[in-house]
């Protein structure tokens, strides 16, 4: 009888943990989707709240921190016009850390030219209080046949 009760309790805990992870994954996917729109809209006020103060951004031309990324977006020196998202995968680590991978076709205005580039973008998030903060955003140039393993 004790084994049965223990088994039922373990199953309930596992189901609860799975549901919580699924909720976090959906929350992170939606937040990433909003981030792409805020970047397209050059909404640096919303992005400033999302980006952690120590966040890092890795691009094809270099790496920098939050203030420079926000200035680049605000000035339009890189205008993320449209991120066409082809695939998304999320892995959670506990209830306060998540990594998201986007396979995108990015149309951006860079140094006076519109360019379209295939990327896998890696985003690291950590929960602080009730809010998720973006810790890292890394662009990896890939072929259009690149797939994210789920």
C-alpha atoms as a PDB file:
ATOM      1  CA  UNK A   1       0.000   0.000   0.000  1.00  0.00           C
ATOM      2  CA  UNK A   2       2.848   2.391   0.834  1.00  0.00           C
ATOM      3  CA  UNK A   3       4.422   1.711  -2.566  1.00  0.00           C
ATOM      4  CA  UNK A   4       1.127   2.485  -4.313  1.00  0.00           C
ATOM      5  CA  UNK A   5       0.674   5.780  -2.438  1.00  0.00           C
ATOM      6  CA  UNK A   6       4.316   6.705  -3.108  1.00  0.00           C
ATOM      7  CA  UNK A   7       3.895   5.846  -6.808  1.00  0.00           C
ATOM      8  CA  UNK A   8       0.759   7.982  -7.117  1.00  0.00           C
ATOM      9  CA  UNK A   9       2.460  10.884  -5.325  1.00  0.00           C
ATOM     10  CA  UNK A  10       5.508  10.621  -7.584  1.00  0.00           C
ATOM     11  CA  UNK A  11       3.282  10.555 -10.692  1.00  0.00           C
ATOM     12  CA  UNK A  12       1.431  13.694  -9.526  1.00  0.00           C
ATOM     13  CA  UNK A  13       4.673  15.548  -8.846  1.00  0.00           C
ATOM     14  CA  UNK A  14       6.048  14.559 -12.263  1.00  0.00           C
ATOM     15  CA  UNK A  15       2.867  15.664 -14.032  1.00  0.00           C
ATOM     16  CA  UNK A  16       2.932  18.988 -12.193  1.00  0.00           C
ATOM     17  CA  UNK A  17       6.592  19.550 -13.111  1.00  0.00           C
ATOM     18  CA  UNK A  18       5.906  18.696 -16.779  1.00  0.00           C
ATOM     19  CA  UNK A  19       2.963  21.121 -16.895  1.00  0.00           C
ATOM     20  CA  UNK A  20       5.056  23.868 -15.284  1.00  0.00           C
ATOM     21  CA  UNK A  21       7.872  23.361 -17.812  1.00  0.00           C
ATOM     22  CA  UNK A  22       5.358  23.453 -20.690  1.00  0.00           C
ATOM     23  CA  UNK A  23       3.944  26.733 -19.342  1.00  0.00           C
ATOM     24  CA  UNK A  24       7.442  28.234 -19.061  1.00  0.00           C
ATOM     25  CA  UNK A  25       8.269  27.113 -22.607  1.00  0.00           C
ATOM     26  CA  UNK A  26       5.142  28.804 -23.988  1.00  0.00           C
ATOM     27  CA  UNK A  27       5.811  31.949 -21.952  1.00  0.00           C
ATOM     28  CA  UNK A  28       9.380  32.160 -23.319  1.00  0.00           C
ATOM     29  CA  UNK A  29       8.223  31.533 -26.903  1.00  0.00           C
ATOM     30  CA  UNK A  30       5.692  34.356 -26.619  1.00  0.00           C
ATOM     31  CA  UNK A  31       8.242  36.689 -25.039  1.00  0.00           C
ATOM     32  CA  UNK A  32      10.721  35.997 -27.846  1.00  0.00           C
ATOM     33  CA  UNK A  33       8.013  36.670 -30.439  1.00  0.00           C
ATOM     34  CA  UNK A  34       7.225  39.990 -28.751  1.00  0.00           C
ATOM     35  CA  UNK A  35      10.947  40.827 -28.633  1.00  0.00           C
ATOM     36  CA  UNK A  36      11.233  40.461 -32.429  1.00  0.00           C
ATOM     37  CA  UNK A  37       8.281  42.827 -32.862  1.00  0.00           C
ATOM     38  CA  UNK A  38       9.729  45.361 -30.395  1.00  0.00           C
ATOM     39  CA  UNK A  39      13.014  45.209 -32.319  1.00  0.00           C
ATOM     40  CA  UNK A  40      11.183  45.804 -35.612  1.00  0.00           C
ATOM     41  CA  UNK A  41       9.278  48.710 -34.020  1.00  0.00           C
ATOM     42  CA  UNK A  42      12.508  50.089 -32.464  1.00  0.00           C
ATOM     43  CA  UNK A  43      10.691  50.059 -29.110  1.00  0.00           C
ATOM     44  CA  UNK A  44      13.770  50.507 -26.951  1.00  0.00           C
ATOM     45  CA  UNK A  45      11.701  51.239 -23.827  1.00  0.00           C
ATOM     46  CA  UNK A  46      10.199  47.726 -23.812  1.00  0.00           C
ATOM     47  CA  UNK A  47      13.511  46.168 -24.836  1.00  0.00           C
ATOM     48  CA  UNK A  48      15.331  47.983 -22.021  1.00  0.00           C
ATOM     49  CA  UNK A  49      12.996  46.316 -19.530  1.00  0.00           C
ATOM     50  CA  UNK A  50      13.518  42.905 -21.139  1.00  0.00           C
ATOM     51  CA  UNK A  51      17.317  43.062 -21.464  1.00  0.00           C
ATOM     52  CA  UNK A  52      19.232  42.250 -18.276  1.00  0.00           C
ATOM     53  CA  UNK A  53      21.639  45.024 -17.252  1.00  0.00           C
ATOM     54  CA  UNK A  54      24.576  42.648 -17.868  1.00  0.00           C
ATOM     55  CA  UNK A  55      23.177  41.172 -21.106  1.00  0.00           C
ATOM     56  CA  UNK A  56      25.418  40.448 -24.093  1.00  0.00           C
ATOM     57  CA  UNK A  57      24.662  40.527 -27.821  1.00  0.00           C
ATOM     58  CA  UNK A  58      26.701  38.586 -30.376  1.00  0.00           C
ATOM     59  CA  UNK A  59      26.367  39.601 -34.018  1.00  0.00           C
ATOM     60  CA  UNK A  60      28.271  38.804 -37.199  1.00  0.00           C
ATOM     61  CA  UNK A  61      30.211  42.076 -36.839  1.00  0.00           C
ATOM     62  CA  UNK A  62      30.942  41.994 -33.102  1.00  0.00           C
ATOM     63  CA  UNK A  63      29.768  41.590 -29.536  1.00  0.00           C
ATOM     64  CA  UNK A  64      28.529  44.242 -27.145  1.00  0.00           C
ATOM     65  CA  UNK A  65      26.398  44.949 -24.089  1.00  0.00           C
ATOM     66  CA  UNK A  66      22.886  46.227 -23.420  1.00  0.00           C
ATOM     67  CA  UNK A  67      23.442  49.978 -23.798  1.00  0.00           C
ATOM     68  CA  UNK A  68      25.114  49.650 -27.193  1.00  0.00           C
ATOM     69  CA  UNK A  69      22.441  47.231 -28.475  1.00  0.00           C
ATOM     70  CA  UNK A  70      19.700  49.655 -27.459  1.00  0.00           C
ATOM     71  CA  UNK A  71      21.536  52.570 -29.099  1.00  0.00           C
ATOM     72  CA  UNK A  72      22.018  50.563 -32.302  1.00  0.00           C
ATOM     73  CA  UNK A  73      18.292  49.777 -32.393  1.00  0.00           C
ATOM     74  CA  UNK A  74      17.217  53.312 -31.500  1.00  0.00           C
ATOM     75  CA  UNK A  75      19.508  54.944 -34.081  1.00  0.00           C
ATOM     76  CA  UNK A  76      18.515  52.461 -36.782  1.00  0.00           C
ATOM     77  CA  UNK A  77      22.115  51.518 -37.614  1.00  0.00           C
ATOM     78  CA  UNK A  78      20.676  48.000 -37.459  1.00  0.00           C
ATOM     79  CA  UNK A  79      16.930  47.952 -38.069  1.00  0.00           C
ATOM     80  CA  UNK A  80      15.485  44.495 -37.517  1.00  0.00           C
ATOM     81  CA  UNK A  81      12.687  44.991 -40.029  1.00  0.00           C
ATOM     82  CA  UNK A  82      11.286  41.458 -39.971  1.00  0.00           C
ATOM     83  CA  UNK A  83      12.213  38.157 -38.379  1.00  0.00           C
ATOM     84  CA  UNK A  84      10.402  35.344 -40.151  1.00  0.00           C
ATOM     85  CA  UNK A  85      10.511  32.555 -37.572  1.00  0.00           C
ATOM     86  CA  UNK A  86      10.628  29.062 -39.086  1.00  0.00           C
ATOM     87  CA  UNK A  87      11.179  26.973 -35.953  1.00  0.00           C
ATOM     88  CA  UNK A  88      11.521  27.431 -32.193  1.00  0.00           C
ATOM     89  CA  UNK A  89      12.830  25.121 -29.490  1.00  0.00           C
ATOM     90  CA  UNK A  90      13.013  25.819 -25.755  1.00  0.00           C
ATOM     91  CA  UNK A  91      14.811  24.001 -22.961  1.00  0.00           C
ATOM     92  CA  UNK A  92      14.155  24.884 -19.340  1.00  0.00           C
ATOM     93  CA  UNK A  93      16.560  24.468 -16.443  1.00  0.00           C
ATOM     94  CA  UNK A  94      14.565  24.542 -13.242  1.00  0.00           C
ATOM     95  CA  UNK A  95      11.867  27.165 -13.047  1.00  0.00           C
ATOM     96  CA  UNK A  96      14.067  30.234 -13.515  1.00  0.00           C
ATOM     97  CA  UNK A  97      16.295  29.616 -16.562  1.00  0.00           C
ATOM     98  CA  UNK A  98      15.452  28.925 -20.197  1.00  0.00           C
ATOM     99  CA  UNK A  99      17.284  28.734 -23.508  1.00  0.00           C
ATOM    100  CA  UNK A 100      15.408  29.381 -26.732  1.00  0.00           C
ATOM    101  CA  UNK A 101      16.620  28.671 -30.267  1.00  0.00           C
ATOM    102  CA  UNK A 102      14.954  30.413 -33.240  1.00  0.00           C
ATOM    103  CA  UNK A 103      15.583  29.458 -36.864  1.00  0.00           C
ATOM    104  CA  UNK A 104      14.837  32.702 -38.682  1.00  0.00           C
ATOM    105  CA  UNK A 105      15.147  34.572 -41.915  1.00  0.00           C
ATOM    106  CA  UNK A 106      16.019  38.101 -40.827  1.00  0.00           C
ATOM    107  CA  UNK A 107      15.407  41.096 -43.043  1.00  0.00           C
ATOM    108  CA  UNK A 108      17.363  44.022 -41.642  1.00  0.00           C
ATOM    109  CA  UNK A 109      18.527  47.435 -42.716  1.00  0.00           C
ATOM    110  CA  UNK A 110      22.274  47.566 -42.050  1.00  0.00           C
ATOM    111  CA  UNK A 111      24.653  50.372 -43.068  1.00  0.00           C
ATOM    112  CA  UNK A 112      22.189  51.737 -45.603  1.00  0.00           C
ATOM    113  CA  UNK A 113      21.266  48.419 -47.226  1.00  0.00           C
ATOM    114  CA  UNK A 114      18.448  45.935 -46.782  1.00  0.00           C
ATOM    115  CA  UNK A 115      19.885  42.452 -46.223  1.00  0.00           C
ATOM    116  CA  UNK A 116      18.243  39.083 -45.717  1.00  0.00           C
ATOM    117  CA  UNK A 117      20.175  36.485 -43.737  1.00  0.00           C
ATOM    118  CA  UNK A 118      19.465  33.017 -42.372  1.00  0.00           C
ATOM    119  CA  UNK A 119      20.224  32.663 -38.665  1.00  0.00           C
ATOM    120  CA  UNK A 120      19.803  30.402 -35.727  1.00  0.00           C
ATOM    121  CA  UNK A 121      19.418  32.791 -32.820  1.00  0.00           C
ATOM    122  CA  UNK A 122      20.119  31.584 -29.290  1.00  0.00           C
ATOM    123  CA  UNK A 123      18.453  33.441 -26.428  1.00  0.00           C
ATOM    124  CA  UNK A 124      19.168  32.868 -22.725  1.00  0.00           C
ATOM    125  CA  UNK A 125      16.539  33.965 -20.216  1.00  0.00           C
ATOM    126  CA  UNK A 126      16.509  34.069 -16.424  1.00  0.00           C
ATOM    127  CA  UNK A 127      13.589  34.883 -14.171  1.00  0.00           C
ATOM    128  CA  UNK A 128      14.078  37.752 -11.746  1.00  0.00           C
ATOM    129  CA  UNK A 129      11.119  38.122  -9.421  1.00  0.00           C
ATOM    130  CA  UNK A 130       8.071  37.921 -11.691  1.00  0.00           C
ATOM    131  CA  UNK A 131       9.867  38.997 -14.872  1.00  0.00           C
ATOM    132  CA  UNK A 132      12.000  37.159 -17.410  1.00  0.00           C
ATOM    133  CA  UNK A 133      15.230  38.912 -18.396  1.00  0.00           C
ATOM    134  CA  UNK A 134      17.175  38.288 -21.594  1.00  0.00           C
ATOM    135  CA  UNK A 135      20.782  37.492 -20.637  1.00  0.00           C
ATOM    136  CA  UNK A 136      22.237  36.742 -24.067  1.00  0.00           C
ATOM    137  CA  UNK A 137      21.222  36.997 -27.722  1.00  0.00           C
ATOM    138  CA  UNK A 138      23.566  35.301 -30.207  1.00  0.00           C
ATOM    139  CA  UNK A 139      23.153  35.281 -33.983  1.00  0.00           C
ATOM    140  CA  UNK A 140      24.706  32.298 -35.790  1.00  0.00           C
ATOM    141  CA  UNK A 141      24.670  32.515 -39.576  1.00  0.00           C
ATOM    142  CA  UNK A 142      23.378  29.235 -41.063  1.00  0.00           C
ATOM    143  CA  UNK A 143      22.252  27.757 -44.359  1.00  0.00           C
ATOM    144  CA  UNK A 144      18.541  27.846 -45.156  1.00  0.00           C
ATOM    145  CA  UNK A 145      18.484  24.043 -44.754  1.00  0.00           C
ATOM    146  CA  UNK A 146      19.674  24.246 -41.127  1.00  0.00           C
ATOM    147  CA  UNK A 147      17.320  22.541 -38.661  1.00  0.00           C
ATOM    148  CA  UNK A 148      17.012  22.781 -34.896  1.00  0.00           C
ATOM    149  CA  UNK A 149      17.017  19.401 -33.178  1.00  0.00           C
ATOM    150  CA  UNK A 150      14.037  19.053 -30.825  1.00  0.00           C
END
